[in-house]
Structures are given as structure tokens and as C-alpha cells.
Amino acid sequence: MVKRLIPLLFALILVFPMGASAQNIKMFNEPPFDFYKVSKGDSFWFIAKRYGLDYHELMRLNPNVVPTNMQVGSVIRLRATAASPTTFEEQVAQLVNKERAKQGLSPLLHRADIKSVAEKKAMDMINSNYFSHTSPNYGSPFDMMKTFGIKYRTAGENIAKGQKTPQEVMNAWMNSSGHRANILNAKFDSIGVGYYNGAWVQMFTGS
């Protein structure tokens, strides 16, 4: 396995079940933050009640989250002003190019076709309950890109799970040598960023 293509290290934030009883859980009249990371036993009803929100409004803010199957570690929006997943993806691409500019590297084009594949990979990791570069449904990221018609001479992938914001996930990647190498790889010219329920994916290609 070539390290510059698929880092063996990955960024992962562990979420532990809440140990306190319901009586000891702090309640709020309004959300103290924009995003919430789902813990074991959470439901839309409980989260809405805890943070002084309307249950139906909370569901409207998170249309991609299945109420009967909330994934532990996934991140949901608590406020309408919070960034949407699409905004998250664009912000990550911008942060990547900011880091590349610091090193005198050319910016990466955030391609819609690669972005679509990265989104499918993020969704697949959540729905199929795994965290790996190799998907049980699509195979390696290289196989997956080829399946969806992405042509390349060189390619790579970064994945992460549990980070709440684009800056947080970029910090995690930049502090990992393998992920940083992908972000700053001079041979790459394009990127696609995917985000789904707390899963983050960067797919890189070079032509």
C-alpha cells in the first residue's frame, strides 16, 4: 500500500455513552451551540426537549437523519443559522486550498463529479456502519472512483468521523502526516469533499 495514496492513520473522535441519569442532565432554554453530536440513546424528541427546541423544527433542520436510526457520533444542526452539509463541504475545500497556498502549491478544483462520489462514500460509511478506506459495497476508493467514471493518473483519500466543523476536521487531518501529505500533494489537481452525519471524506485526483 502506498502511503501517499491512502494514509493508514485516521482521525477519529470517540463518543462514549452518557453515564449520568436523566435527572442529572442539564436542560437549556435554547441551544448553547450550533451543532450536537449524537450519543447512545439519543432521539430527536430528547434532544429537542433538552435544548428548548421544537421537535418538528429539529427534524426539518436535519432532513438526512433518519429519526428511527440516529447514528452515534453523527452531527446534527440545532439552529437554522448553522451551516448546512453542502456549506461544510465547500468550506473544507477552501481550507485545503488555503493550506496549499501556504506551501506555494496550486489550488485544487472542487469538482462536482468527485464531490458526488465522496458524498456517497460518507453516506456509505454511516449506513453500512464501518470506518475504513475500503467499502464493503464499493471496494477501495480507487475502485469506487473508477466505478463512477472518475479518470485519474494518481489519486488519494482522507476520511474522518465525529468532528463537528470543517476547521476541526482539517486540524485533525493536518496534524496527521499521512493525511497532510494528501492535502499538500503537488501531483493532485482536483478534490471532492463529502460530508454525511458526522462522516467526512476527501477524494483527490491528479490527471
C-alpha atoms as a PDB file:
ATOM      1  CA  MET A   1       0.000   0.000   0.000  1.00  0.00           C
ATOM      2  CA  VAL A   2       1.433   3.386  -0.974  1.00  0.00           C
ATOM      3  CA  LYS A   3       1.239   5.815   1.911  1.00  0.00           C
ATOM      4  CA  ARG A   4       0.834   8.899  -0.243  1.00  0.00           C
ATOM      5  CA  LEU A   5      -2.317   7.445  -1.723  1.00  0.00           C
ATOM      6  CA  ILE A   6      -4.068   6.021   1.321  1.00  0.00           C
ATOM      7  CA  PRO A   7      -2.861   7.000   4.809  1.00  0.00           C
ATOM      8  CA  LEU A   8      -3.028   4.190   7.296  1.00  0.00           C
ATOM      9  CA  LEU A   9      -3.662   6.637  10.116  1.00  0.00           C
ATOM     10  CA  PHE A  10      -7.062   8.192  10.507  1.00  0.00           C
ATOM     11  CA  ALA A  11      -8.737  10.842  12.639  1.00  0.00           C
ATOM     12  CA  LEU A  12     -11.479   9.539  14.899  1.00  0.00           C
ATOM     13  CA  ILE A  13     -13.263  11.179  17.812  1.00  0.00           C
ATOM     14  CA  LEU A  14     -14.716   8.600  20.164  1.00  0.00           C
ATOM     15  CA  VAL A  15     -18.105   9.199  21.696  1.00  0.00           C
ATOM     16  CA  PHE A  16     -18.887   7.479  24.947  1.00  0.00           C
ATOM     17  CA  PRO A  17     -22.400   6.799  26.281  1.00  0.00           C
ATOM     18  CA  MET A  18     -23.700   9.249  28.823  1.00  0.00           C
ATOM     19  CA  GLY A  19     -23.314   7.843  32.298  1.00  0.00           C
ATOM     20  CA  ALA A  20     -25.470  10.335  34.158  1.00  0.00           C
ATOM     21  CA  SER A  21     -29.076   9.618  34.947  1.00  0.00           C
ATOM     22  CA  ALA A  22     -31.813  11.638  33.260  1.00  0.00           C
ATOM     23  CA  GLN A  23     -32.310  13.619  36.460  1.00  0.00           C
ATOM     24  CA  ASN A  24     -28.713  14.902  36.305  1.00  0.00           C
ATOM     25  CA  ILE A  25     -28.779  16.004  32.659  1.00  0.00           C
ATOM     26  CA  LYS A  26     -28.598  19.777  32.319  1.00  0.00           C
ATOM     27  CA  MET A  27     -31.517  21.332  30.432  1.00  0.00           C
ATOM     28  CA  PHE A  28     -31.391  24.543  28.371  1.00  0.00           C
ATOM     29  CA  ASN A  29     -33.950  27.127  27.321  1.00  0.00           C
ATOM     30  CA  GLU A  30     -32.161  27.486  23.971  1.00  0.00           C
ATOM     31  CA  PRO A  31     -29.202  25.773  22.261  1.00  0.00           C
ATOM     32  CA  PRO A  32     -25.811  26.974  23.594  1.00  0.00           C
ATOM     33  CA  PHE A  33     -24.138  25.886  20.327  1.00  0.00           C
ATOM     34  CA  ASP A  34     -24.955  25.290  16.642  1.00  0.00           C
ATOM     35  CA  PHE A  35     -24.229  21.556  16.407  1.00  0.00           C
ATOM     36  CA  TYR A  36     -24.780  18.495  18.562  1.00  0.00           C
ATOM     37  CA  LYS A  37     -23.016  15.131  18.417  1.00  0.00           C
ATOM     38  CA  VAL A  38     -25.442  12.232  18.854  1.00  0.00           C
ATOM     39  CA  SER A  39     -24.815   9.928  21.833  1.00  0.00           C
ATOM     40  CA  LYS A  40     -26.145   6.451  22.583  1.00  0.00           C
ATOM     41  CA  GLY A  41     -29.866   6.522  23.372  1.00  0.00           C
ATOM     42  CA  ASP A  42     -30.484   9.967  21.848  1.00  0.00           C
ATOM     43  CA  SER A  43     -33.638  10.771  19.922  1.00  0.00           C
ATOM     44  CA  PHE A  44     -34.941  13.905  18.211  1.00  0.00           C
ATOM     45  CA  TRP A  45     -37.539  14.217  20.964  1.00  0.00           C
ATOM     46  CA  PHE A  46     -34.963  14.071  23.770  1.00  0.00           C
ATOM     47  CA  ILE A  47     -32.523  16.468  22.078  1.00  0.00           C
ATOM     48  CA  ALA A  48     -35.326  18.939  21.322  1.00  0.00           C
ATOM     49  CA  LYS A  49     -36.558  18.795  24.919  1.00  0.00           C
ATOM     50  CA  ARG A  50     -33.057  19.224  26.370  1.00  0.00           C
ATOM     51  CA  TYR A  51     -32.228  22.267  24.270  1.00  0.00           C
ATOM     52  CA  GLY A  52     -35.600  24.008  24.312  1.00  0.00           C
ATOM     53  CA  LEU A  53     -36.367  23.293  20.649  1.00  0.00           C
ATOM     54  CA  ASP A  54     -39.461  22.345  18.704  1.00  0.00           C
ATOM     55  CA  TYR A  55     -39.288  18.655  17.832  1.00  0.00           C
ATOM     56  CA  HIS A  56     -40.607  19.138  14.300  1.00  0.00           C
ATOM     57  CA  GLU A  57     -38.274  22.072  13.618  1.00  0.00           C
ATOM     58  CA  LEU A  58     -35.279  19.996  14.688  1.00  0.00           C
ATOM     59  CA  MET A  59     -36.284  17.281  12.215  1.00  0.00           C
ATOM     60  CA  ARG A  60     -36.709  19.898   9.469  1.00  0.00           C
ATOM     61  CA  LEU A  61     -33.172  21.164  10.100  1.00  0.00           C
ATOM     62  CA  ASN A  62     -31.789  17.639   9.661  1.00  0.00           C
ATOM     63  CA  PRO A  63     -33.702  16.052   6.763  1.00  0.00           C
ATOM     64  CA  ASN A  64     -30.991  13.464   6.070  1.00  0.00           C
ATOM     65  CA  VAL A  65     -31.131  11.983   9.565  1.00  0.00           C
ATOM     66  CA  VAL A  66     -33.474   9.019   9.991  1.00  0.00           C
ATOM     67  CA  PRO A  67     -35.346   9.552  13.311  1.00  0.00           C
ATOM     68  CA  THR A  68     -35.583   5.809  13.998  1.00  0.00           C
ATOM     69  CA  ASN A  69     -31.905   5.207  13.266  1.00  0.00           C
ATOM     70  CA  MET A  70     -29.836   8.075  14.662  1.00  0.00           C
ATOM     71  CA  GLN A  71     -26.162   7.164  14.316  1.00  0.00           C
ATOM     72  CA  VAL A  72     -23.960   7.578  17.396  1.00  0.00           C
ATOM     73  CA  GLY A  73     -21.274  10.143  16.588  1.00  0.00           C
ATOM     74  CA  SER A  74     -23.263  11.834  13.823  1.00  0.00           C
ATOM     75  CA  VAL A  75     -23.569  15.618  13.972  1.00  0.00           C
ATOM     76  CA  ILE A  76     -26.925  17.402  13.716  1.00  0.00           C
ATOM     77  CA  ARG A  77     -27.852  21.072  13.404  1.00  0.00           C
ATOM     78  CA  LEU A  78     -29.556  22.773  16.353  1.00  0.00           C
ATOM     79  CA  ARG A  79     -30.018  26.189  14.754  1.00  0.00           C
ATOM     80  CA  ALA A  80     -31.258  27.345  11.370  1.00  0.00           C
ATOM     81  CA  THR A  81     -28.200  29.610  11.143  1.00  0.00           C
ATOM     82  CA  ALA A  82     -25.841  26.609  11.414  1.00  0.00           C
ATOM     83  CA  ALA A  83     -24.014  25.669   8.223  1.00  0.00           C
ATOM     84  CA  SER A  84     -25.585  23.003   6.020  1.00  0.00           C
ATOM     85  CA  PRO A  85     -23.639  19.917   4.889  1.00  0.00           C
ATOM     86  CA  THR A  86     -23.112  21.488   1.444  1.00  0.00           C
ATOM     87  CA  THR A  87     -21.582  24.550   3.075  1.00  0.00           C
ATOM     88  CA  PHE A  88     -19.381  22.240   5.183  1.00  0.00           C
ATOM     89  CA  GLU A  89     -18.036  20.606   2.036  1.00  0.00           C
ATOM     90  CA  GLU A  90     -17.249  23.909   0.355  1.00  0.00           C
ATOM     91  CA  GLN A  91     -15.533  25.178   3.499  1.00  0.00           C
ATOM     92  CA  VAL A  92     -13.297  22.104   3.665  1.00  0.00           C
ATOM     93  CA  ALA A  93     -12.273  22.579   0.021  1.00  0.00           C
ATOM     94  CA  GLN A  94     -11.462  26.223   0.744  1.00  0.00           C
ATOM     95  CA  LEU A  95      -9.411  25.286   3.810  1.00  0.00           C
ATOM     96  CA  VAL A  96      -7.478  22.735   1.753  1.00  0.00           C
ATOM     97  CA  ASN A  97      -6.545  25.402  -0.781  1.00  0.00           C
ATOM     98  CA  LYS A  98      -5.604  27.775   1.999  1.00  0.00           C
ATOM     99  CA  GLU A  99      -3.123  25.212   3.331  1.00  0.00           C
ATOM    100  CA  ARG A 100      -1.787  24.561  -0.164  1.00  0.00           C
ATOM    101  CA  ALA A 101      -1.301  28.275  -0.772  1.00  0.00           C
ATOM    102  CA  LYS A 102       0.889  28.483   2.336  1.00  0.00           C
ATOM    103  CA  GLN A 103       3.225  25.958   0.688  1.00  0.00           C
ATOM    104  CA  GLY A 104       3.188  27.663  -2.701  1.00  0.00           C
ATOM    105  CA  LEU A 105       1.057  24.894  -4.262  1.00  0.00           C
ATOM    106  CA  SER A 106      -1.646  25.317  -6.893  1.00  0.00           C
ATOM    107  CA  PRO A 107      -5.267  25.245  -5.649  1.00  0.00           C
ATOM    108  CA  LEU A 108      -7.383  22.139  -6.196  1.00  0.00           C
ATOM    109  CA  LEU A 109     -10.525  22.318  -8.282  1.00  0.00           C
ATOM    110  CA  HIS A 110     -13.558  21.199  -6.250  1.00  0.00           C
ATOM    111  CA  ARG A 111     -15.144  19.036  -8.924  1.00  0.00           C
ATOM    112  CA  ALA A 112     -18.849  18.185  -8.717  1.00  0.00           C
ATOM    113  CA  ASP A 113     -18.357  14.642 -10.041  1.00  0.00           C
ATOM    114  CA  ILE A 114     -15.688  13.767  -7.452  1.00  0.00           C
ATOM    115  CA  LYS A 115     -17.723  15.521  -4.755  1.00  0.00           C
ATOM    116  CA  SER A 116     -20.682  13.275  -5.600  1.00  0.00           C
ATOM    117  CA  VAL A 117     -18.549  10.151  -5.126  1.00  0.00           C
ATOM    118  CA  ALA A 118     -17.129  11.477  -1.834  1.00  0.00           C
ATOM    119  CA  GLU A 119     -20.664  12.121  -0.579  1.00  0.00           C
ATOM    120  CA  LYS A 120     -21.669   8.560  -1.488  1.00  0.00           C
ATOM    121  CA  LYS A 121     -18.636   7.235   0.432  1.00  0.00           C
ATOM    122  CA  ALA A 122     -19.509   9.304   3.527  1.00  0.00           C
ATOM    123  CA  MET A 123     -23.101   8.090   3.384  1.00  0.00           C
ATOM    124  CA  ASP A 124     -21.944   4.507   2.856  1.00  0.00           C
ATOM    125  CA  MET A 125     -19.719   4.621   5.947  1.00  0.00           C
ATOM    126  CA  ILE A 126     -22.659   5.699   8.102  1.00  0.00           C
ATOM    127  CA  ASN A 127     -25.346   3.496   6.574  1.00  0.00           C
ATOM    128  CA  SER A 128     -23.129   0.396   6.424  1.00  0.00           C
ATOM    129  CA  ASN A 129     -21.595   1.094   9.837  1.00  0.00           C
ATOM    130  CA  TYR A 130     -17.882   0.971   9.056  1.00  0.00           C
ATOM    131  CA  PHE A 131     -14.867   3.296   9.159  1.00  0.00           C
ATOM    132  CA  SER A 132     -12.323   2.286   6.567  1.00  0.00           C
ATOM    133  CA  HIS A 133     -10.863   3.288   3.228  1.00  0.00           C
ATOM    134  CA  THR A 134     -12.240   0.024   1.855  1.00  0.00           C
ATOM    135  CA  SER A 135     -16.017  -0.067   1.475  1.00  0.00           C
ATOM    136  CA  PRO A 136     -17.858  -3.400   1.741  1.00  0.00           C
ATOM    137  CA  ASN A 137     -20.065  -2.133  -1.095  1.00  0.00           C
ATOM    138  CA  TYR A 138     -17.721  -0.171  -3.364  1.00  0.00           C
ATOM    139  CA  GLY A 139     -14.267  -1.589  -2.624  1.00  0.00           C
ATOM    140  CA  SER A 140     -11.216   0.685  -2.447  1.00  0.00           C
ATOM    141  CA  PRO A 141     -11.559   4.430  -3.107  1.00  0.00           C
ATOM    142  CA  PHE A 142      -9.741   3.847  -6.411  1.00  0.00           C
ATOM    143  CA  ASP A 143     -12.258   1.180  -7.450  1.00  0.00           C
ATOM    144  CA  MET A 144     -15.106   3.422  -6.359  1.00  0.00           C
ATOM    145  CA  MET A 145     -13.886   6.392  -8.396  1.00  0.00           C
ATOM    146  CA  LYS A 146     -13.491   4.211 -11.467  1.00  0.00           C
ATOM    147  CA  THR A 147     -16.978   2.751 -10.964  1.00  0.00           C
ATOM    148  CA  PHE A 148     -18.444   6.256 -11.111  1.00  0.00           C
ATOM    149  CA  GLY A 149     -16.407   7.266 -14.148  1.00  0.00           C
ATOM    150  CA  ILE A 150     -13.676   9.327 -12.484  1.00  0.00           C
ATOM    151  CA  LYS A 151     -10.471   9.136 -14.511  1.00  0.00           C
ATOM    152  CA  TYR A 152      -7.088   9.851 -12.930  1.00  0.00           C
ATOM    153  CA  ARG A 153      -3.352   9.167 -13.092  1.00  0.00           C
ATOM    154  CA  THR A 154      -2.926   9.370  -9.319  1.00  0.00           C
ATOM    155  CA  ALA A 155      -5.472   9.533  -6.518  1.00  0.00           C
ATOM    156  CA  GLY A 156      -5.894   9.519  -2.752  1.00  0.00           C
ATOM    157  CA  GLU A 157      -8.457   9.653   0.018  1.00  0.00           C
ATOM    158  CA  ASN A 158      -8.743  11.078   3.534  1.00  0.00           C
ATOM    159  CA  ILE A 159     -11.536  10.055   5.903  1.00  0.00           C
ATOM    160  CA  ALA A 160     -12.569  11.156   9.386  1.00  0.00           C
ATOM    161  CA  LYS A 161     -15.556  10.775  11.671  1.00  0.00           C
ATOM    162  CA  GLY A 162     -17.065  12.719  14.553  1.00  0.00           C
ATOM    163  CA  GLN A 163     -15.629  16.205  14.046  1.00  0.00           C
ATOM    164  CA  LYS A 164     -18.264  18.927  14.288  1.00  0.00           C
ATOM    165  CA  THR A 165     -16.891  21.587  11.925  1.00  0.00           C
ATOM    166  CA  PRO A 166     -14.755  21.941   8.784  1.00  0.00           C
ATOM    167  CA  GLN A 167     -11.987  23.599  10.778  1.00  0.00           C
ATOM    168  CA  GLU A 168     -11.977  20.823  13.364  1.00  0.00           C
ATOM    169  CA  VAL A 169     -11.661  18.069  10.778  1.00  0.00           C
ATOM    170  CA  MET A 170      -8.990  19.992   8.862  1.00  0.00           C
ATOM    171  CA  ASN A 171      -6.985  20.431  12.061  1.00  0.00           C
ATOM    172  CA  ALA A 172      -7.160  16.676  12.641  1.00  0.00           C
ATOM    173  CA  TRP A 173      -6.040  15.903   9.092  1.00  0.00           C
ATOM    174  CA  MET A 174      -3.228  18.468   9.089  1.00  0.00           C
ATOM    175  CA  ASN A 175      -1.889  17.012  12.357  1.00  0.00           C
ATOM    176  CA  SER A 176      -1.623  13.561  10.742  1.00  0.00           C
ATOM    177  CA  SER A 177       1.369  13.074   8.434  1.00  0.00           C
ATOM    178  CA  GLY A 178      -0.444  10.775   6.008  1.00  0.00           C
ATOM    179  CA  HIS A 179      -3.495  12.998   5.630  1.00  0.00           C
ATOM    180  CA  ARG A 180      -1.357  16.134   5.431  1.00  0.00           C
ATOM    181  CA  ALA A 181       0.668  14.530   2.623  1.00  0.00           C
ATOM    182  CA  ASN A 182      -2.501  14.052   0.576  1.00  0.00           C
ATOM    183  CA  ILE A 183      -3.679  17.623   1.180  1.00  0.00           C
ATOM    184  CA  LEU A 184      -0.277  19.013   0.143  1.00  0.00           C
ATOM    185  CA  ASN A 185       0.419  16.579  -2.700  1.00  0.00           C
ATOM    186  CA  ALA A 186       1.667  18.621  -5.666  1.00  0.00           C
ATOM    187  CA  LYS A 187       0.546  15.896  -8.092  1.00  0.00           C
ATOM    188  CA  PHE A 188      -3.128  16.370  -7.255  1.00  0.00           C
ATOM    189  CA  ASP A 189      -5.175  18.957  -9.167  1.00  0.00           C
ATOM    190  CA  SER A 190      -8.750  18.138  -8.114  1.00  0.00           C
ATOM    191  CA  ILE A 191     -10.712  17.334  -4.962  1.00  0.00           C
ATOM    192  CA  GLY A 192     -14.192  16.213  -3.961  1.00  0.00           C
ATOM    193  CA  VAL A 193     -15.405  16.649  -0.389  1.00  0.00           C
ATOM    194  CA  GLY A 194     -18.258  14.656   1.116  1.00  0.00           C
ATOM    195  CA  TYR A 195     -19.981  15.012   4.495  1.00  0.00           C
ATOM    196  CA  TYR A 196     -22.815  12.945   5.943  1.00  0.00           C
ATOM    197  CA  ASN A 197     -23.974  12.636   9.569  1.00  0.00           C
ATOM    198  CA  GLY A 198     -20.502  13.155  11.051  1.00  0.00           C
ATOM    199  CA  ALA A 199     -18.528  11.265   8.388  1.00  0.00           C
ATOM    200  CA  TRP A 200     -16.024  13.291   6.326  1.00  0.00           C
ATOM    201  CA  VAL A 201     -14.383  12.256   3.056  1.00  0.00           C
ATOM    202  CA  GLN A 202     -11.812  13.947   0.840  1.00  0.00           C
ATOM    203  CA  MET A 203     -11.089  12.345  -2.533  1.00  0.00           C
ATOM    204  CA  PHE A 204      -8.129  13.660  -4.549  1.00  0.00           C
ATOM    205  CA  THR A 205      -7.150  13.090  -8.148  1.00  0.00           C
ATOM    206  CA  GLY A 206      -4.307  14.126 -10.411  1.00  0.00           C
ATOM    207  CA  SER A 207      -4.509  13.991 -14.203  1.00  0.00           C
END
